[in-house]
Amino acid sequence: MFIAATLALLMTMILAMGRAFLGPSLYDRILAINMFGTKTVLLIAVLGFLMGRPEFLDIALVYALINFISVIGLLRYFEYNQAQLQAKLQRVQQARDEANP
């Protein structure tokens, strides 16, 4: 039963990586990476249970925290870059409007 769960998690991770590479938008790709990280946490927990290594749960929790913080950081980074790009486009449009009255 746990082997089937492990195989299902691996298949879901493969599909998430496909979405991360082929996603139509940036946010779809970030969501797929977040899903991949979540499934990795589950996989570490299941493998720890199968091998009788309870310390794997600690590793899974640390990985979950790193995954959460990195996704928040990525979203903030791209939000900041997009705001800068929009401000630059507004300045260019304003300069164009002033040049052509």
C-alpha atoms as a PDB file:
ATOM      1  CA  MET A   1       0.000   0.000   0.000  1.00  0.00           C
ATOM      2  CA  PHE A   2       2.814   2.442   0.855  1.00  0.00           C
ATOM      3  CA  ILE A   3       4.655   1.484  -2.307  1.00  0.00           C
ATOM      4  CA  ALA A   4       1.557   2.462  -4.307  1.00  0.00           C
ATOM      5  CA  ALA A   5       1.445   5.783  -2.432  1.00  0.00           C
ATOM      6  CA  THR A   6       5.116   6.354  -3.216  1.00  0.00           C
ATOM      7  CA  LEU A   7       4.579   5.619  -6.898  1.00  0.00           C
ATOM      8  CA  ALA A   8       1.546   7.924  -6.989  1.00  0.00           C
ATOM      9  CA  LEU A   9       3.599  10.704  -5.392  1.00  0.00           C
ATOM     10  CA  LEU A  10       6.388  10.212  -7.923  1.00  0.00           C
ATOM     11  CA  MET A  11       3.892  10.364 -10.793  1.00  0.00           C
ATOM     12  CA  THR A  12       2.367  13.550  -9.392  1.00  0.00           C
ATOM     13  CA  MET A  13       5.853  15.055  -9.069  1.00  0.00           C
ATOM     14  CA  ILE A  14       6.586  14.249 -12.712  1.00  0.00           C
ATOM     15  CA  LEU A  15       3.342  15.938 -13.774  1.00  0.00           C
ATOM     16  CA  ALA A  16       4.175  18.976 -11.626  1.00  0.00           C
ATOM     17  CA  MET A  17       7.570  19.296 -13.284  1.00  0.00           C
ATOM     18  CA  GLY A  18       5.857  19.151 -16.669  1.00  0.00           C
ATOM     19  CA  ARG A  19       3.597  22.018 -15.635  1.00  0.00           C
ATOM     20  CA  ALA A  20       6.591  23.937 -14.283  1.00  0.00           C
ATOM     21  CA  PHE A  21       8.372  23.717 -17.647  1.00  0.00           C
ATOM     22  CA  LEU A  22       5.318  24.195 -19.879  1.00  0.00           C
ATOM     23  CA  GLY A  23       3.122  26.453 -17.746  1.00  0.00           C
ATOM     24  CA  PRO A  24       1.370  29.237 -19.635  1.00  0.00           C
ATOM     25  CA  SER A  25       2.205  31.919 -17.078  1.00  0.00           C
ATOM     26  CA  LEU A  26       4.807  32.650 -14.461  1.00  0.00           C
ATOM     27  CA  TYR A  27       2.375  32.098 -11.606  1.00  0.00           C
ATOM     28  CA  ASP A  28       1.364  28.673 -12.951  1.00  0.00           C
ATOM     29  CA  ARG A  29       5.031  27.707 -12.983  1.00  0.00           C
ATOM     30  CA  ILE A  30       5.613  28.935  -9.435  1.00  0.00           C
ATOM     31  CA  LEU A  31       2.508  27.068  -8.276  1.00  0.00           C
ATOM     32  CA  ALA A  32       3.809  23.888  -9.937  1.00  0.00           C
ATOM     33  CA  ILE A  33       7.174  24.297  -8.203  1.00  0.00           C
ATOM     34  CA  ASN A  34       5.379  24.766  -4.894  1.00  0.00           C
ATOM     35  CA  MET A  35       3.346  21.626  -5.543  1.00  0.00           C
ATOM     36  CA  PHE A  36       6.531  19.735  -6.382  1.00  0.00           C
ATOM     37  CA  GLY A  37       8.037  20.829  -3.066  1.00  0.00           C
ATOM     38  CA  THR A  38       4.941  19.759  -1.161  1.00  0.00           C
ATOM     39  CA  LYS A  39       4.963  16.347  -2.811  1.00  0.00           C
ATOM     40  CA  THR A  40       8.660  16.035  -1.989  1.00  0.00           C
ATOM     41  CA  VAL A  41       7.847  16.601   1.680  1.00  0.00           C
ATOM     42  CA  LEU A  42       5.211  13.867   1.506  1.00  0.00           C
ATOM     43  CA  LEU A  43       7.616  11.536  -0.277  1.00  0.00           C
ATOM     44  CA  ILE A  44      10.315  12.063   2.369  1.00  0.00           C
ATOM     45  CA  ALA A  45       7.755  11.345   5.099  1.00  0.00           C
ATOM     46  CA  VAL A  46       6.504   8.152   3.409  1.00  0.00           C
ATOM     47  CA  LEU A  47      10.042   6.915   2.730  1.00  0.00           C
ATOM     48  CA  GLY A  48      10.989   7.640   6.337  1.00  0.00           C
ATOM     49  CA  PHE A  49       8.046   5.556   7.491  1.00  0.00           C
ATOM     50  CA  LEU A  50       8.869   2.710   5.101  1.00  0.00           C
ATOM     51  CA  MET A  51      12.511   2.588   6.178  1.00  0.00           C
ATOM     52  CA  GLY A  52      11.743   3.001   9.860  1.00  0.00           C
ATOM     53  CA  ARG A  53      13.668   6.277  10.133  1.00  0.00           C
ATOM     54  CA  PRO A  54      11.599   8.790  12.134  1.00  0.00           C
ATOM     55  CA  GLU A  55      14.299  11.461  11.748  1.00  0.00           C
ATOM     56  CA  PHE A  56      13.160  11.825   8.132  1.00  0.00           C
ATOM     57  CA  LEU A  57      10.123  13.694   9.466  1.00  0.00           C
ATOM     58  CA  ASP A  58      12.439  16.396  10.801  1.00  0.00           C
ATOM     59  CA  ILE A  59      14.070  16.644   7.394  1.00  0.00           C
ATOM     60  CA  ALA A  60      10.629  16.841   5.760  1.00  0.00           C
ATOM     61  CA  LEU A  61       9.589  19.685   8.057  1.00  0.00           C
ATOM     62  CA  VAL A  62      12.751  21.658   7.341  1.00  0.00           C
ATOM     63  CA  TYR A  63      12.250  21.116   3.621  1.00  0.00           C
ATOM     64  CA  ALA A  64       8.621  22.290   3.910  1.00  0.00           C
ATOM     65  CA  LEU A  65       9.764  25.482   5.621  1.00  0.00           C
ATOM     66  CA  ILE A  66      12.435  26.132   2.994  1.00  0.00           C
ATOM     67  CA  ASN A  67       9.884  25.484   0.235  1.00  0.00           C
ATOM     68  CA  PHE A  68       7.392  27.925   1.749  1.00  0.00           C
ATOM     69  CA  ILE A  69       9.936  30.701   2.259  1.00  0.00           C
ATOM     70  CA  SER A  70      11.423  30.290  -1.217  1.00  0.00           C
ATOM     71  CA  VAL A  71       8.010  30.482  -2.932  1.00  0.00           C
ATOM     72  CA  ILE A  72       7.137  33.636  -0.995  1.00  0.00           C
ATOM     73  CA  GLY A  73      10.530  35.098  -1.942  1.00  0.00           C
ATOM     74  CA  LEU A  74      10.042  34.277  -5.625  1.00  0.00           C
ATOM     75  CA  LEU A  75       6.603  35.860  -5.666  1.00  0.00           C
ATOM     76  CA  ARG A  76       7.916  39.017  -3.989  1.00  0.00           C
ATOM     77  CA  TYR A  77      10.832  39.202  -6.421  1.00  0.00           C
ATOM     78  CA  PHE A  78       8.652  38.930  -9.512  1.00  0.00           C
ATOM     79  CA  GLU A  79       6.073  41.325  -8.064  1.00  0.00           C
ATOM     80  CA  TYR A  80       8.821  43.920  -7.509  1.00  0.00           C
ATOM     81  CA  ASN A  81      10.225  43.441 -11.031  1.00  0.00           C
ATOM     82  CA  GLN A  82       6.792  43.734 -12.596  1.00  0.00           C
ATOM     83  CA  ALA A  83       6.092  46.962 -10.683  1.00  0.00           C
ATOM     84  CA  GLN A  84       9.393  48.399 -11.904  1.00  0.00           C
ATOM     85  CA  LEU A  85       8.581  47.408 -15.479  1.00  0.00           C
ATOM     86  CA  GLN A  86       5.169  49.075 -15.324  1.00  0.00           C
ATOM     87  CA  ALA A  87       6.694  52.276 -13.903  1.00  0.00           C
ATOM     88  CA  LYS A  88       9.249  52.321 -16.701  1.00  0.00           C
ATOM     89  CA  LEU A  89       6.551  51.837 -19.335  1.00  0.00           C
ATOM     90  CA  GLN A  90       4.568  54.707 -17.827  1.00  0.00           C
ATOM     91  CA  ARG A  91       7.603  56.988 -17.994  1.00  0.00           C
ATOM     92  CA  VAL A  92       8.199  56.067 -21.645  1.00  0.00           C
ATOM     93  CA  GLN A  93       4.531  56.668 -22.491  1.00  0.00           C
ATOM     94  CA  GLN A  94       4.566  59.998 -20.669  1.00  0.00           C
ATOM     95  CA  ALA A  95       7.732  61.094 -22.507  1.00  0.00           C
ATOM     96  CA  ARG A  96       6.114  60.093 -25.805  1.00  0.00           C
ATOM     97  CA  ASP A  97       2.980  62.064 -25.003  1.00  0.00           C
ATOM     98  CA  GLU A  98       5.037  65.144 -24.116  1.00  0.00           C
ATOM     99  CA  ALA A  99       7.080  64.881 -27.310  1.00  0.00           C
ATOM    100  CA  ASN A 100       3.999  64.601 -29.545  1.00  0.00           C
ATOM    101  CA  PRO A 101       1.430  67.174 -28.345  1.00  0.00           C
END
